[in-house]
PDB file of N, CA and C in Angstrom:
ATOM      1  N   MET A   1       0.826  -1.184   0.000  1.00  0.00           N
ATOM      2  CA  MET A   1       0.000   0.000   0.000  1.00  0.00           C
ATOM      3  C   MET A   1       0.869   1.245   0.000  1.00  0.00           C
ATOM      4  N   GLU A   2       0.427   2.237  -0.706  1.00  0.00           N
ATOM      5  CA  GLU A   2       1.130   3.502  -0.777  1.00  0.00           C
ATOM      6  C   GLU A   2       0.707   4.368   0.410  1.00  0.00           C
ATOM      7  N   ILE A   3       1.675   5.031   1.049  1.00  0.00           N
ATOM      8  CA  ILE A   3       1.354   5.951   2.136  1.00  0.00           C
ATOM      9  C   ILE A   3       1.482   7.367   1.590  1.00  0.00           C
ATOM     10  N   ILE A   4       0.405   8.140   1.734  1.00  0.00           N
ATOM     11  CA  ILE A   4       0.386   9.489   1.178  1.00  0.00           C
ATOM     12  C   ILE A   4      -0.099  10.480   2.216  1.00  0.00           C
ATOM     13  N   GLU A   5       0.150  11.760   1.959  1.00  0.00           N
ATOM     14  CA  GLU A   5      -0.434  12.809   2.786  1.00  0.00           C
ATOM     15  C   GLU A   5      -1.792  13.148   2.199  1.00  0.00           C
ATOM     16  N   LYS A   6      -2.748  13.348   3.102  1.00  0.00           N
ATOM     17  CA  LYS A   6      -4.108  13.610   2.660  1.00  0.00           C
ATOM     18  C   LYS A   6      -4.348  15.117   2.627  1.00  0.00           C
ATOM     19  N   ASN A   7      -4.796  15.612   1.507  1.00  0.00           N
ATOM     20  CA  ASN A   7      -5.295  16.984   1.421  1.00  0.00           C
ATOM     21  C   ASN A   7      -6.350  17.036   0.327  1.00  0.00           C
ATOM     22  N   ARG A   8      -7.130  18.077   0.325  1.00  0.00           N
ATOM     23  CA  ARG A   8      -8.286  18.173  -0.580  1.00  0.00           C
ATOM     24  C   ARG A   8      -7.879  18.058  -2.047  1.00  0.00           C
ATOM     25  N   ASN A   9      -6.801  18.733  -2.445  1.00  0.00           N
ATOM     26  CA  ASN A   9      -6.370  18.674  -3.838  1.00  0.00           C
ATOM     27  C   ASN A   9      -5.960  17.262  -4.232  1.00  0.00           C
ATOM     28  N   ARG A  10      -5.308  16.579  -3.311  1.00  0.00           N
ATOM     29  CA  ARG A  10      -4.860  15.206  -3.579  1.00  0.00           C
ATOM     30  C   ARG A  10      -6.067  14.290  -3.791  1.00  0.00           C
ATOM     31  N   LEU A  11      -7.127  14.490  -3.008  1.00  0.00           N
ATOM     32  CA  LEU A  11      -8.334  13.672  -3.164  1.00  0.00           C
ATOM     33  C   LEU A  11      -8.941  13.863  -4.544  1.00  0.00           C
ATOM     34  N   GLU A  12      -8.989  15.093  -5.004  1.00  0.00           N
ATOM     35  CA  GLU A  12      -9.544  15.363  -6.332  1.00  0.00           C
ATOM     36  C   GLU A  12      -8.673  14.752  -7.427  1.00  0.00           C
ATOM     37  N   GLU A  13      -7.359  14.750  -7.220  1.00  0.00           N
ATOM     38  CA  GLU A  13      -6.451  14.142  -8.193  1.00  0.00           C
ATOM     39  C   GLU A  13      -6.651  12.632  -8.268  1.00  0.00           C
ATOM     40  N   LEU A  14      -7.024  12.014  -7.153  1.00  0.00           N
ATOM     41  CA  LEU A  14      -7.213  10.567  -7.105  1.00  0.00           C
ATOM     42  C   LEU A  14      -8.485  10.110  -7.805  1.00  0.00           C
ATOM     43  N   SER A  15      -9.455  10.998  -7.941  1.00  0.00           N
ATOM     44  CA  SER A  15     -10.727  10.630  -8.562  1.00  0.00           C
ATOM     45  C   SER A  15     -10.521  10.266 -10.026  1.00  0.00           C
ATOM     46  N   GLN A  16     -11.142   9.174 -10.441  1.00  0.00           N
ATOM     47  CA  GLN A  16     -11.062   8.723 -11.826  1.00  0.00           C
ATOM     48  C   GLN A  16     -12.315   9.093 -12.619  1.00  0.00           C
ATOM     49  N   PHE A  17     -13.170   9.939 -12.019  1.00  0.00           N
ATOM     50  CA  PHE A  17     -14.467  10.242 -12.627  1.00  0.00           C
ATOM     51  C   PHE A  17     -14.643  11.749 -12.773  1.00  0.00           C
ATOM     52  N   ASP A  18     -15.300  12.149 -13.863  1.00  0.00           N
ATOM     53  CA  ASP A  18     -15.548  13.566 -14.126  1.00  0.00           C
ATOM     54  C   ASP A  18     -16.816  14.074 -13.466  1.00  0.00           C
ATOM     55  N   SER A  19     -17.723  13.161 -13.133  1.00  0.00           N
ATOM     56  CA  SER A  19     -18.988  13.577 -12.534  1.00  0.00           C
ATOM     57  C   SER A  19     -19.521  12.485 -11.613  1.00  0.00           C
ATOM     58  N   LEU A  20     -20.464  12.871 -10.783  1.00  0.00           N
ATOM     59  CA  LEU A  20     -21.111  11.928  -9.887  1.00  0.00           C
ATOM     60  C   LEU A  20     -21.916  10.895 -10.684  1.00  0.00           C
ATOM     61  N   GLU A  21     -22.549  11.329 -11.745  1.00  0.00           N
ATOM     62  CA  GLU A  21     -23.323  10.422 -12.590  1.00  0.00           C
ATOM     63  C   GLU A  21     -22.422   9.358 -13.218  1.00  0.00           C
ATOM     64  N   GLU A  22     -21.273   9.768 -13.697  1.00  0.00           N
ATOM     65  CA  GLU A  22     -20.324   8.825 -14.287  1.00  0.00           C
ATOM     66  C   GLU A  22     -19.854   7.808 -13.239  1.00  0.00           C
ATOM     67  N   PHE A  23     -19.607   8.283 -12.016  1.00  0.00           N
ATOM     68  CA  PHE A  23     -19.197   7.401 -10.924  1.00  0.00           C
ATOM     69  C   PHE A  23     -20.272   6.359 -10.627  1.00  0.00           C
ATOM     70  N   HIS A  24     -21.522   6.797 -10.486  1.00  0.00           N
ATOM     71  CA  HIS A  24     -22.610   5.875 -10.168  1.00  0.00           C
ATOM     72  C   HIS A  24     -22.874   4.879 -11.306  1.00  0.00           C
ATOM     73  N   THR A  25     -22.735   5.317 -12.531  1.00  0.00           N
ATOM     74  CA  THR A  25     -22.883   4.413 -13.671  1.00  0.00           C
ATOM     75  C   THR A  25     -21.812   3.336 -13.630  1.00  0.00           C
ATOM     76  N   ASN A  26     -20.602   3.737 -13.292  1.00  0.00           N
ATOM     77  CA  ASN A  26     -19.495   2.797 -13.201  1.00  0.00           C
ATOM     78  C   ASN A  26     -19.725   1.776 -12.082  1.00  0.00           C
ATOM     79  N   ILE A  27     -20.206   2.234 -10.929  1.00  0.00           N
ATOM     80  CA  ILE A  27     -20.499   1.325  -9.811  1.00  0.00           C
ATOM     81  C   ILE A  27     -21.574   0.323 -10.224  1.00  0.00           C
ATOM     82  N   TYR A  28     -22.579   0.800 -10.926  1.00  0.00           N
ATOM     83  CA  TYR A  28     -23.638  -0.096 -11.412  1.00  0.00           C
ATOM     84  C   TYR A  28     -23.040  -1.205 -12.282  1.00  0.00           C
ATOM     85  N   LYS A  29     -22.112  -0.851 -13.173  1.00  0.00           N
ATOM     86  CA  LYS A  29     -21.478  -1.845 -14.039  1.00  0.00           C
ATOM     87  C   LYS A  29     -20.706  -2.877 -13.224  1.00  0.00           C
ATOM     88  N   TRP A  30     -19.963  -2.413 -12.191  1.00  0.00           N
ATOM     89  CA  TRP A  30     -19.235  -3.341 -11.335  1.00  0.00           C
ATOM     90  C   TRP A  30     -20.206  -4.302 -10.642  1.00  0.00           C
ATOM     91  N   LEU A  31     -21.295  -3.761 -10.111  1.00  0.00           N
ATOM     92  CA  LEU A  31     -22.222  -4.598  -9.346  1.00  0.00           C
ATOM     93  C   LEU A  31     -22.992  -5.584 -10.212  1.00  0.00           C
ATOM     94  N   VAL A  32     -23.293  -5.211 -11.440  1.00  0.00           N
ATOM     95  CA  VAL A  32     -23.967  -6.144 -12.343  1.00  0.00           C
ATOM     96  C   VAL A  32     -23.111  -7.396 -12.500  1.00  0.00           C
ATOM     97  N   GLU A  33     -21.817  -7.213 -12.576  1.00  0.00           N
ATOM     98  CA  GLU A  33     -20.912  -8.338 -12.785  1.00  0.00           C
ATOM     99  C   GLU A  33     -20.547  -9.074 -11.496  1.00  0.00           C
ATOM    100  N   HIS A  34     -20.444  -8.360 -10.365  1.00  0.00           N
ATOM    101  CA  HIS A  34     -19.865  -8.959  -9.161  1.00  0.00           C
ATOM    102  C   HIS A  34     -20.747  -8.936  -7.917  1.00  0.00           C
ATOM    103  N   LYS A  35     -21.971  -8.501  -8.010  1.00  0.00           N
ATOM    104  CA  LYS A  35     -22.833  -8.385  -6.829  1.00  0.00           C
ATOM    105  C   LYS A  35     -22.983  -9.704  -6.079  1.00  0.00           C
ATOM    106  N   TYR A  36     -23.050 -10.792  -6.787  1.00  0.00           N
ATOM    107  CA  TYR A  36     -23.277 -12.106  -6.169  1.00  0.00           C
ATOM    108  C   TYR A  36     -22.137 -12.523  -5.234  1.00  0.00           C
ATOM    109  N   ILE A  37     -20.969 -11.922  -5.353  1.00  0.00           N
ATOM    110  CA  ILE A  37     -19.806 -12.283  -4.539  1.00  0.00           C
ATOM    111  C   ILE A  37     -19.940 -11.755  -3.109  1.00  0.00           C
ATOM    112  N   PHE A  38     -20.698 -10.670  -2.935  1.00  0.00           N
ATOM    113  CA  PHE A  38     -20.836 -10.034  -1.630  1.00  0.00           C
ATOM    114  C   PHE A  38     -22.068 -10.570  -0.887  1.00  0.00           C
ATOM    115  N   THR A  39     -21.950 -10.683   0.441  1.00  0.00           N
ATOM    116  CA  THR A  39     -23.109 -11.023   1.263  1.00  0.00           C
ATOM    117  C   THR A  39     -24.004  -9.793   1.373  1.00  0.00           C
ATOM    118  N   LYS A  40     -25.196  -9.974   1.925  1.00  0.00           N
ATOM    119  CA  LYS A  40     -26.110  -8.841   2.100  1.00  0.00           C
ATOM    120  C   LYS A  40     -25.492  -7.764   2.983  1.00  0.00           C
ATOM    121  N   SER A  41     -24.883  -8.175   4.081  1.00  0.00           N
ATOM    122  CA  SER A  41     -24.287  -7.175   4.973  1.00  0.00           C
ATOM    123  C   SER A  41     -23.090  -6.492   4.320  1.00  0.00           C
ATOM    124  N   GLU A  42     -22.310  -7.222   3.541  1.00  0.00           N
ATOM    125  CA  GLU A  42     -21.184  -6.602   2.835  1.00  0.00           C
ATOM    126  C   GLU A  42     -21.686  -5.586   1.810  1.00  0.00           C
ATOM    127  N   LEU A  43     -22.820  -5.873   1.167  1.00  0.00           N
ATOM    128  CA  LEU A  43     -23.393  -4.915   0.214  1.00  0.00           C
ATOM    129  C   LEU A  43     -23.864  -3.642   0.917  1.00  0.00           C
ATOM    130  N   VAL A  44     -24.342  -3.772   2.161  1.00  0.00           N
ATOM    131  CA  VAL A  44     -24.713  -2.586   2.943  1.00  0.00           C
ATOM    132  C   VAL A  44     -23.473  -1.714   3.159  1.00  0.00           C
ATOM    133  N   GLY A  45     -22.360  -2.341   3.518  1.00  0.00           N
ATOM    134  CA  GLY A  45     -21.108  -1.604   3.697  1.00  0.00           C
ATOM    135  C   GLY A  45     -20.618  -0.989   2.403  1.00  0.00           C
ATOM    136  N   PHE A  46     -20.730  -1.727   1.316  1.00  0.00           N
ATOM    137  CA  PHE A  46     -20.310  -1.224   0.003  1.00  0.00           C
ATOM    138  C   PHE A  46     -21.140  -0.011  -0.388  1.00  0.00           C
ATOM    139  N   ARG A  47     -22.450  -0.114  -0.204  1.00  0.00           N
ATOM    140  CA  ARG A  47     -23.356   0.988  -0.529  1.00  0.00           C
ATOM    141  C   ARG A  47     -23.012   2.239   0.270  1.00  0.00           C
ATOM    142  N   SER A  48     -22.723   2.054   1.551  1.00  0.00           N
ATOM    143  CA  SER A  48     -22.360   3.196   2.394  1.00  0.00           C
ATOM    144  C   SER A  48     -21.057   3.839   1.932  1.00  0.00           C
ATOM    145  N   LEU A  49     -20.106   3.028   1.545  1.00  0.00           N
ATOM    146  CA  LEU A  49     -18.838   3.553   1.049  1.00  0.00           C
ATOM    147  C   LEU A  49     -19.050   4.340  -0.237  1.00  0.00           C
ATOM    148  N   VAL A  50     -19.910   3.833  -1.104  1.00  0.00           N
ATOM    149  CA  VAL A  50     -20.239   4.538  -2.351  1.00  0.00           C
ATOM    150  C   VAL A  50     -20.875   5.886  -2.042  1.00  0.00           C
ATOM    151  N   LEU A  51     -21.835   5.907  -1.119  1.00  0.00           N
ATOM    152  CA  LEU A  51     -22.511   7.162  -0.775  1.00  0.00           C
ATOM    153  C   LEU A  51     -21.549   8.183  -0.168  1.00  0.00           C
ATOM    154  N   LEU A  52     -20.594   7.709   0.603  1.00  0.00           N
ATOM    155  CA  LEU A  52     -19.612   8.611   1.203  1.00  0.00           C
ATOM    156  C   LEU A  52     -18.574   9.082   0.191  1.00  0.00           C
ATOM    157  N   ALA A  53     -18.507   8.445  -0.947  1.00  0.00           N
ATOM    158  CA  ALA A  53     -17.578   8.840  -2.010  1.00  0.00           C
ATOM    159  C   ALA A  53     -18.232   9.807  -2.989  1.00  0.00           C
ATOM    160  N   ASP A  54     -19.354  10.390  -2.598  1.00  0.00           N
ATOM    161  CA  ASP A  54     -20.060  11.317  -3.477  1.00  0.00           C
ATOM    162  C   ASP A  54     -19.506  12.739  -3.445  1.00  0.00           C
ATOM    163  N   VAL A  55     -18.832  13.142  -2.381  1.00  0.00           N
ATOM    164  CA  VAL A  55     -18.300  14.506  -2.281  1.00  0.00           C
ATOM    165  C   VAL A  55     -17.228  14.712  -3.346  1.00  0.00           C
ATOM    166  N   THR A  56     -16.262  13.839  -3.381  1.00  0.00           N
ATOM    167  CA  THR A  56     -15.295  13.778  -4.473  1.00  0.00           C
ATOM    168  C   THR A  56     -15.606  12.458  -5.172  1.00  0.00           C
ATOM    169  N   PRO A  57     -16.245  12.500  -6.352  1.00  0.00           N
ATOM    170  CA  PRO A  57     -16.737  11.268  -6.978  1.00  0.00           C
ATOM    171  C   PRO A  57     -15.677  10.170  -7.058  1.00  0.00           C
ATOM    172  N   GLY A  58     -15.976   9.053  -6.374  1.00  0.00           N
ATOM    173  CA  GLY A  58     -15.105   7.902  -6.430  1.00  0.00           C
ATOM    174  C   GLY A  58     -14.006   7.862  -5.390  1.00  0.00           C
ATOM    175  N   VAL A  59     -13.993   8.821  -4.445  1.00  0.00           N
ATOM    176  CA  VAL A  59     -12.961   8.852  -3.410  1.00  0.00           C
ATOM    177  C   VAL A  59     -13.618   9.064  -2.051  1.00  0.00           C
ATOM    178  N   CYS A  60     -13.308   8.178  -1.104  1.00  0.00           N
ATOM    179  CA  CYS A  60     -13.839   8.285   0.246  1.00  0.00           C
ATOM    180  C   CYS A  60     -12.671   8.270   1.224  1.00  0.00           C
ATOM    181  N   HIS A  61     -12.713   9.154   2.212  1.00  0.00           N
ATOM    182  CA  HIS A  61     -11.636   9.200   3.202  1.00  0.00           C
ATOM    183  C   HIS A  61     -12.181   9.208   4.626  1.00  0.00           C
ATOM    184  N   GLU A  62     -13.255   8.469   4.841  1.00  0.00           N
ATOM    185  CA  GLU A  62     -13.852   8.348   6.168  1.00  0.00           C
ATOM    186  C   GLU A  62     -13.202   7.217   6.951  1.00  0.00           C
ATOM    187  N   ARG A  63     -13.186   7.339   8.270  1.00  0.00           N
ATOM    188  CA  ARG A  63     -12.691   6.265   9.130  1.00  0.00           C
ATOM    189  C   ARG A  63     -13.706   5.118   9.127  1.00  0.00           C
ATOM    190  N   ILE A  64     -13.233   3.904   9.271  1.00  0.00           N
ATOM    191  CA  ILE A  64     -14.126   2.740   9.297  1.00  0.00           C
ATOM    192  C   ILE A  64     -15.150   2.891  10.417  1.00  0.00           C
ATOM    193  N   GLU A  65     -14.723   3.379  11.571  1.00  0.00           N
ATOM    194  CA  GLU A  65     -15.646   3.555  12.699  1.00  0.00           C
ATOM    195  C   GLU A  65     -16.783   4.507  12.335  1.00  0.00           C
ATOM    196  N   ASP A  66     -16.458   5.593  11.623  1.00  0.00           N
ATOM    197  CA  ASP A  66     -17.488   6.551  11.214  1.00  0.00           C
ATOM    198  C   ASP A  66     -18.452   5.944  10.201  1.00  0.00           C
ATOM    199  N   ILE A  67     -17.923   5.132   9.302  1.00  0.00           N
ATOM    200  CA  ILE A  67     -18.774   4.464   8.315  1.00  0.00           C
ATOM    201  C   ILE A  67     -19.728   3.509   9.024  1.00  0.00           C
ATOM    202  N   LEU A  68     -19.186   2.724   9.947  1.00  0.00           N
ATOM    203  CA  LEU A  68     -20.024   1.772  10.681  1.00  0.00           C
ATOM    204  C   LEU A  68     -21.056   2.485  11.544  1.00  0.00           C
ATOM    205  N   ASN A  69     -20.684   3.608  12.148  1.00  0.00           N
ATOM    206  CA  ASN A  69     -21.642   4.389  12.948  1.00  0.00           C
ATOM    207  C   ASN A  69     -22.763   4.947  12.078  1.00  0.00           C
ATOM    208  N   SER A  70     -22.441   5.394  10.873  1.00  0.00           N
ATOM    209  CA  SER A  70     -23.492   5.928   9.982  1.00  0.00           C
ATOM    210  C   SER A  70     -24.448   4.819   9.551  1.00  0.00           C
ATOM    211  N   ILE A  71     -23.919   3.622   9.353  1.00  0.00           N
ATOM    212  CA  ILE A  71     -24.782   2.485   9.007  1.00  0.00           C
ATOM    213  C   ILE A  71     -25.691   2.162  10.185  1.00  0.00           C
ATOM    214  N   GLN A  72     -25.127   2.148  11.387  1.00  0.00           N
ATOM    215  CA  GLN A  72     -25.907   1.858  12.597  1.00  0.00           C
ATOM    216  C   GLN A  72     -27.036   2.876  12.760  1.00  0.00           C
ATOM    217  N   GLU A  73     -26.732   4.162  12.541  1.00  0.00           N
ATOM    218  CA  GLU A  73     -27.761   5.201  12.654  1.00  0.00           C
ATOM    219  C   GLU A  73     -28.851   5.023  11.604  1.00  0.00           C
ATOM    220  N   GLU A  74     -28.445   4.658  10.389  1.00  0.00           N
ATOM    221  CA  GLU A  74     -29.408   4.485   9.297  1.00  0.00           C
ATOM    222  C   GLU A  74     -30.388   3.360   9.593  1.00  0.00           C
ATOM    223  N   TYR A  75     -29.908   2.269  10.184  1.00  0.00           N
ATOM    224  CA  TYR A  75     -30.751   1.110  10.438  1.00  0.00           C
ATOM    225  C   TYR A  75     -31.287   1.058  11.860  1.00  0.00           C
ATOM    226  N   ASN A  76     -31.055   2.082  12.651  1.00  0.00           N
ATOM    227  CA  ASN A  76     -31.509   2.101  14.041  1.00  0.00           C
ATOM    228  C   ASN A  76     -33.030   1.961  14.104  1.00  0.00           C
ATOM    229  N   GLY A  77     -33.485   1.033  14.917  1.00  0.00           N
ATOM    230  CA  GLY A  77     -34.921   0.848  15.085  1.00  0.00           C
ATOM    231  C   GLY A  77     -35.552  -0.081  14.074  1.00  0.00           C
ATOM    232  N   SER A  78     -34.770  -0.570  13.116  1.00  0.00           N
ATOM    233  CA  SER A  78     -35.353  -1.445  12.100  1.00  0.00           C
ATOM    234  C   SER A  78     -35.174  -2.916  12.436  1.00  0.00           C
ATOM    235  N   GLY A  79     -34.580  -3.201  13.588  1.00  0.00           N
ATOM    236  CA  GLY A  79     -34.359  -4.583  13.975  1.00  0.00           C
ATOM    237  C   GLY A  79     -33.050  -5.148  13.471  1.00  0.00           C
ATOM    238  N   ARG A  80     -32.302  -4.356  12.722  1.00  0.00           N
ATOM    239  CA  ARG A  80     -31.008  -4.804  12.218  1.00  0.00           C
ATOM    240  C   ARG A  80     -29.915  -4.263  13.122  1.00  0.00           C
ATOM    241  N   SER A  81     -28.872  -5.015  13.257  1.00  0.00           N
ATOM    242  CA  SER A  81     -27.787  -4.598  14.138  1.00  0.00           C
ATOM    243  C   SER A  81     -26.727  -3.787  13.417  1.00  0.00           C
ATOM    244  N   GLY A  82     -26.891  -3.564  12.134  1.00  0.00           N
ATOM    245  CA  GLY A  82     -25.874  -2.830  11.398  1.00  0.00           C
ATOM    246  C   GLY A  82     -24.862  -3.778  10.787  1.00  0.00           C
ATOM    247  N   LEU A  83     -23.651  -3.341  10.724  1.00  0.00           N
ATOM    248  CA  LEU A  83     -22.592  -4.082  10.060  1.00  0.00           C
ATOM    249  C   LEU A  83     -21.396  -4.186  10.987  1.00  0.00           C
ATOM    250  N   SER A  84     -20.809  -5.358  11.082  1.00  0.00           N
ATOM    251  CA  SER A  84     -19.632  -5.530  11.936  1.00  0.00           C
ATOM    252  C   SER A  84     -18.383  -5.047  11.202  1.00  0.00           C
ATOM    253  N   ARG A  85     -17.387  -4.723  11.984  1.00  0.00           N
ATOM    254  CA  ARG A  85     -16.106  -4.294  11.424  1.00  0.00           C
ATOM    255  C   ARG A  85     -15.493  -5.398  10.558  1.00  0.00           C
ATOM    256  N   SER A  86     -15.612  -6.643  11.009  1.00  0.00           N
ATOM    257  CA  SER A  86     -15.033  -7.753  10.244  1.00  0.00           C
ATOM    258  C   SER A  86     -15.754  -7.935   8.902  1.00  0.00           C
ATOM    259  N   SER A  87     -17.069  -7.747   8.871  1.00  0.00           N
ATOM    260  CA  SER A  87     -17.805  -7.838   7.604  1.00  0.00           C
ATOM    261  C   SER A  87     -17.383  -6.718   6.654  1.00  0.00           C
ATOM    262  N   PHE A  88     -17.181  -5.523   7.213  1.00  0.00           N
ATOM    263  CA  PHE A  88     -16.738  -4.397   6.390  1.00  0.00           C
ATOM    264  C   PHE A  88     -15.354  -4.685   5.811  1.00  0.00           C
ATOM    265  N   ARG A  89     -14.473  -5.216   6.623  1.00  0.00           N
ATOM    266  CA  ARG A  89     -13.117  -5.553   6.149  1.00  0.00           C
ATOM    267  C   ARG A  89     -13.161  -6.661   5.088  1.00  0.00           C
ATOM    268  N   ARG A  90     -14.046  -7.649   5.252  1.00  0.00           N
ATOM    269  CA  ARG A  90     -14.201  -8.691   4.230  1.00  0.00           C
ATOM    270  C   ARG A  90     -14.672  -8.086   2.915  1.00  0.00           C
ATOM    271  N   MET A  91     -15.618  -7.151   3.012  1.00  0.00           N
ATOM    272  CA  MET A  91     -16.099  -6.480   1.807  1.00  0.00           C
ATOM    273  C   MET A  91     -14.954  -5.741   1.121  1.00  0.00           C
ATOM    274  N   LEU A  92     -14.137  -5.025   1.904  1.00  0.00           N
ATOM    275  CA  LEU A  92     -13.002  -4.304   1.321  1.00  0.00           C
ATOM    276  C   LEU A  92     -12.028  -5.261   0.645  1.00  0.00           C
ATOM    277  N   LYS A  93     -11.763  -6.371   1.292  1.00  0.00           N
ATOM    278  CA  LYS A  93     -10.833  -7.357   0.737  1.00  0.00           C
ATOM    279  C   LYS A  93     -11.346  -7.880  -0.606  1.00  0.00           C
ATOM    280  N   LYS A  94     -12.632  -8.223  -0.669  1.00  0.00           N
ATOM    281  CA  LYS A  94     -13.223  -8.712  -1.917  1.00  0.00           C
ATOM    282  C   LYS A  94     -13.180  -7.628  -2.997  1.00  0.00           C
ATOM    283  N   ALA A  95     -13.535  -6.400  -2.618  1.00  0.00           N
ATOM    284  CA  ALA A  95     -13.555  -5.300  -3.587  1.00  0.00           C
ATOM    285  C   ALA A  95     -12.147  -5.016  -4.115  1.00  0.00           C
ATOM    286  N   LYS A  96     -11.146  -5.114  -3.247  1.00  0.00           N
ATOM    287  CA  LYS A  96      -9.760  -4.920  -3.699  1.00  0.00           C
ATOM    288  C   LYS A  96      -9.340  -6.036  -4.646  1.00  0.00           C
ATOM    289  N   GLN A  97      -9.683  -7.274  -4.317  1.00  0.00           N
ATOM    290  CA  GLN A  97      -9.318  -8.406  -5.169  1.00  0.00           C
ATOM    291  C   GLN A  97      -9.969  -8.316  -6.546  1.00  0.00           C
ATOM    292  N   LEU A  98     -11.184  -7.786  -6.591  1.00  0.00           N
ATOM    293  CA  LEU A  98     -11.893  -7.637  -7.859  1.00  0.00           C
ATOM    294  C   LEU A  98     -11.427  -6.410  -8.650  1.00  0.00           C
ATOM    295  N   GLY A  99     -10.659  -5.542  -8.005  1.00  0.00           N
ATOM    296  CA  GLY A  99     -10.180  -4.334  -8.664  1.00  0.00           C
ATOM    297  C   GLY A  99     -11.160  -3.179  -8.599  1.00  0.00           C
ATOM    298  N   ILE A 100     -12.186  -3.285  -7.779  1.00  0.00           N
ATOM    299  CA  ILE A 100     -13.180  -2.221  -7.661  1.00  0.00           C
ATOM    300  C   ILE A 100     -12.613  -1.042  -6.870  1.00  0.00           C
ATOM    301  N   ILE A 101     -11.842  -1.350  -5.835  1.00  0.00           N
ATOM    302  CA  ILE A 101     -11.343  -0.327  -4.917  1.00  0.00           C
ATOM    303  C   ILE A 101      -9.834  -0.464  -4.756  1.00  0.00           C
ATOM    304  N   THR A 102      -9.172   0.673  -4.639  1.00  0.00           N
ATOM    305  CA  THR A 102      -7.774   0.735  -4.231  1.00  0.00           C
ATOM    306  C   THR A 102      -7.746   1.429  -2.886  1.00  0.00           C
ATOM    307  N   VAL A 103      -7.026   0.862  -1.922  1.00  0.00           N
ATOM    308  CA  VAL A 103      -6.942   1.438  -0.582  1.00  0.00           C
ATOM    309  C   VAL A 103      -5.564   2.055  -0.411  1.00  0.00           C
ATOM    310  N   LEU A 104      -5.558   3.345  -0.055  1.00  0.00           N
ATOM    311  CA  LEU A 104      -4.311   4.066   0.188  1.00  0.00           C
ATOM    312  C   LEU A 104      -4.238   4.442   1.658  1.00  0.00           C
ATOM    313  N   GLU A 105      -3.109   4.186   2.282  1.00  0.00           N
ATOM    314  CA  GLU A 105      -2.906   4.598   3.663  1.00  0.00           C
ATOM    315  C   GLU A 105      -2.433   6.042   3.678  1.00  0.00           C
ATOM    316  N   THR A 106      -2.830   6.776   4.700  1.00  0.00           N
ATOM    317  CA  THR A 106      -2.377   8.157   4.832  1.00  0.00           C
ATOM    318  C   THR A 106      -1.585   8.310   6.117  1.00  0.00           C
ATOM    319  N   ALA A 107      -0.745   9.330   6.144  1.00  0.00           N
ATOM    320  CA  ALA A 107       0.066   9.620   7.323  1.00  0.00           C
ATOM    321  C   ALA A 107      -0.260  11.013   7.830  1.00  0.00           C
ATOM    322  N   ARG A 108      -0.272  11.171   9.145  1.00  0.00           N
ATOM    323  CA  ARG A 108      -0.477  12.487   9.746  1.00  0.00           C
ATOM    324  C   ARG A 108       0.762  13.335   9.494  1.00  0.00           C
ATOM    325  N   THR A 109       0.544  14.591   9.183  1.00  0.00           N
ATOM    326  CA  THR A 109       1.673  15.469   8.889  1.00  0.00           C
ATOM    327  C   THR A 109       2.484  15.804  10.133  1.00  0.00           C
ATOM    328  N   GLN A 110       1.842  15.807  11.318  1.00  0.00           N
ATOM    329  CA  GLN A 110       2.555  16.185  12.542  1.00  0.00           C
ATOM    330  C   GLN A 110       3.610  15.163  12.933  1.00  0.00           C
ATOM    331  N   ASN A 111       3.244  13.884  12.960  1.00  0.00           N
ATOM    332  CA  ASN A 111       4.181  12.893  13.475  1.00  0.00           C
ATOM    333  C   ASN A 111       4.381  11.687  12.553  1.00  0.00           C
ATOM    334  N   GLY A 112       3.734  11.661  11.424  1.00  0.00           N
ATOM    335  CA  GLY A 112       3.927  10.581  10.467  1.00  0.00           C
ATOM    336  C   GLY A 112       3.199   9.285  10.786  1.00  0.00           C
ATOM    337  N   SER A 113       2.401   9.276  11.863  1.00  0.00           N
ATOM    338  CA  SER A 113       1.651   8.060  12.197  1.00  0.00           C
ATOM    339  C   SER A 113       0.510   7.858  11.202  1.00  0.00           C
ATOM    340  N   GLN A 114      -0.012   6.626  11.149  1.00  0.00           N
ATOM    341  CA  GLN A 114      -1.055   6.328  10.181  1.00  0.00           C
ATOM    342  C   GLN A 114      -2.358   7.022  10.544  1.00  0.00           C
ATOM    343  N   ASP A 115      -2.995   7.573   9.543  1.00  0.00           N
ATOM    344  CA  ASP A 115      -4.304   8.202   9.664  1.00  0.00           C
ATOM    345  C   ASP A 115      -5.297   7.286   8.963  1.00  0.00           C
ATOM    346  N   GLN A 116      -6.526   7.763   8.754  1.00  0.00           N
ATOM    347  CA  GLN A 116      -7.528   6.931   8.086  1.00  0.00           C
ATOM    348  C   GLN A 116      -7.129   6.659   6.636  1.00  0.00           C
ATOM    349  N   ASN A 117      -7.652   5.585   6.099  1.00  0.00           N
ATOM    350  CA  ASN A 117      -7.362   5.208   4.724  1.00  0.00           C
ATOM    351  C   ASN A 117      -8.175   6.043   3.751  1.00  0.00           C
ATOM    352  N   ILE A 118      -7.707   6.057   2.520  1.00  0.00           N
ATOM    353  CA  ILE A 118      -8.457   6.654   1.420  1.00  0.00           C
ATOM    354  C   ILE A 118      -8.878   5.505   0.511  1.00  0.00           C
ATOM    355  N   TYR A 119     -10.175   5.450   0.215  1.00  0.00           N
ATOM    356  CA  TYR A 119     -10.719   4.406  -0.641  1.00  0.00           C
ATOM    357  C   TYR A 119     -11.003   5.027  -2.007  1.00  0.00           C
ATOM    358  N   VAL A 120     -10.311   4.534  -3.029  1.00  0.00           N
ATOM    359  CA  VAL A 120     -10.450   5.072  -4.384  1.00  0.00           C
ATOM    360  C   VAL A 120     -11.140   4.007  -5.237  1.00  0.00           C
ATOM    361  N   PHE A 121     -12.296   4.374  -5.782  1.00  0.00           N
ATOM    362  CA  PHE A 121     -13.012   3.462  -6.671  1.00  0.00           C
ATOM    363  C   PHE A 121     -12.387   3.545  -8.066  1.00  0.00           C
ATOM    364  N   ASN A 122     -12.187   2.377  -8.665  1.00  0.00           N
ATOM    365  CA  ASN A 122     -11.554   2.292  -9.984  1.00  0.00           C
ATOM    366  C   ASN A 122     -12.598   2.210 -11.076  1.00  0.00           C
ATOM    367  N   ARG A 123     -12.187   2.613 -12.256  1.00  0.00           N
ATOM    368  CA  ARG A 123     -13.061   2.502 -13.431  1.00  0.00           C
ATOM    369  C   ARG A 123     -13.221   1.043 -13.831  1.00  0.00           C
ATOM    370  N   LYS A 124     -14.370   0.740 -14.372  1.00  0.00           N
ATOM    371  CA  LYS A 124     -14.651  -0.604 -14.908  1.00  0.00           C
ATOM    372  C   LYS A 124     -14.061  -0.697 -16.278  1.00  0.00           C
TER     373      LYS A 124
END
C-alpha cells in the first residue's frame, strides 16, 4: 500500500471520474458483474462507502468507525444490528481483489503516524 499525505487537492487528483453520474454508472457496471460475490451485509457496507464517495466522486476518506456508525444510525430501530467491522473488512478485501477499490494509507503530517485510509473506486 502507498502511504500518502491527505489533502483536498490530492483527493480530487485521485478521482477517476468527471462527474457523480459517471461514478454511479461505473459502480452499477461493477455490481452487475460482481454483486453475487458479496453477502447482504457486505453490500450494505459497500453501498455506504459509495454514498460517502459522493463529495469527491469515487474517493472516500472516512474512518471505518465513522462508516459503521453511519450504518448503525441508518438502520436504528429497524431490527437490524448494522454491520460488523469484520464484515466491512471482508467487503473491502473482496472489492480490492476484484479491482473495484484501491486502498491508500495516509500519514499524519505532525508525526507521520497512520491516519484513516483513502478508498479510491476504480473505473470498470
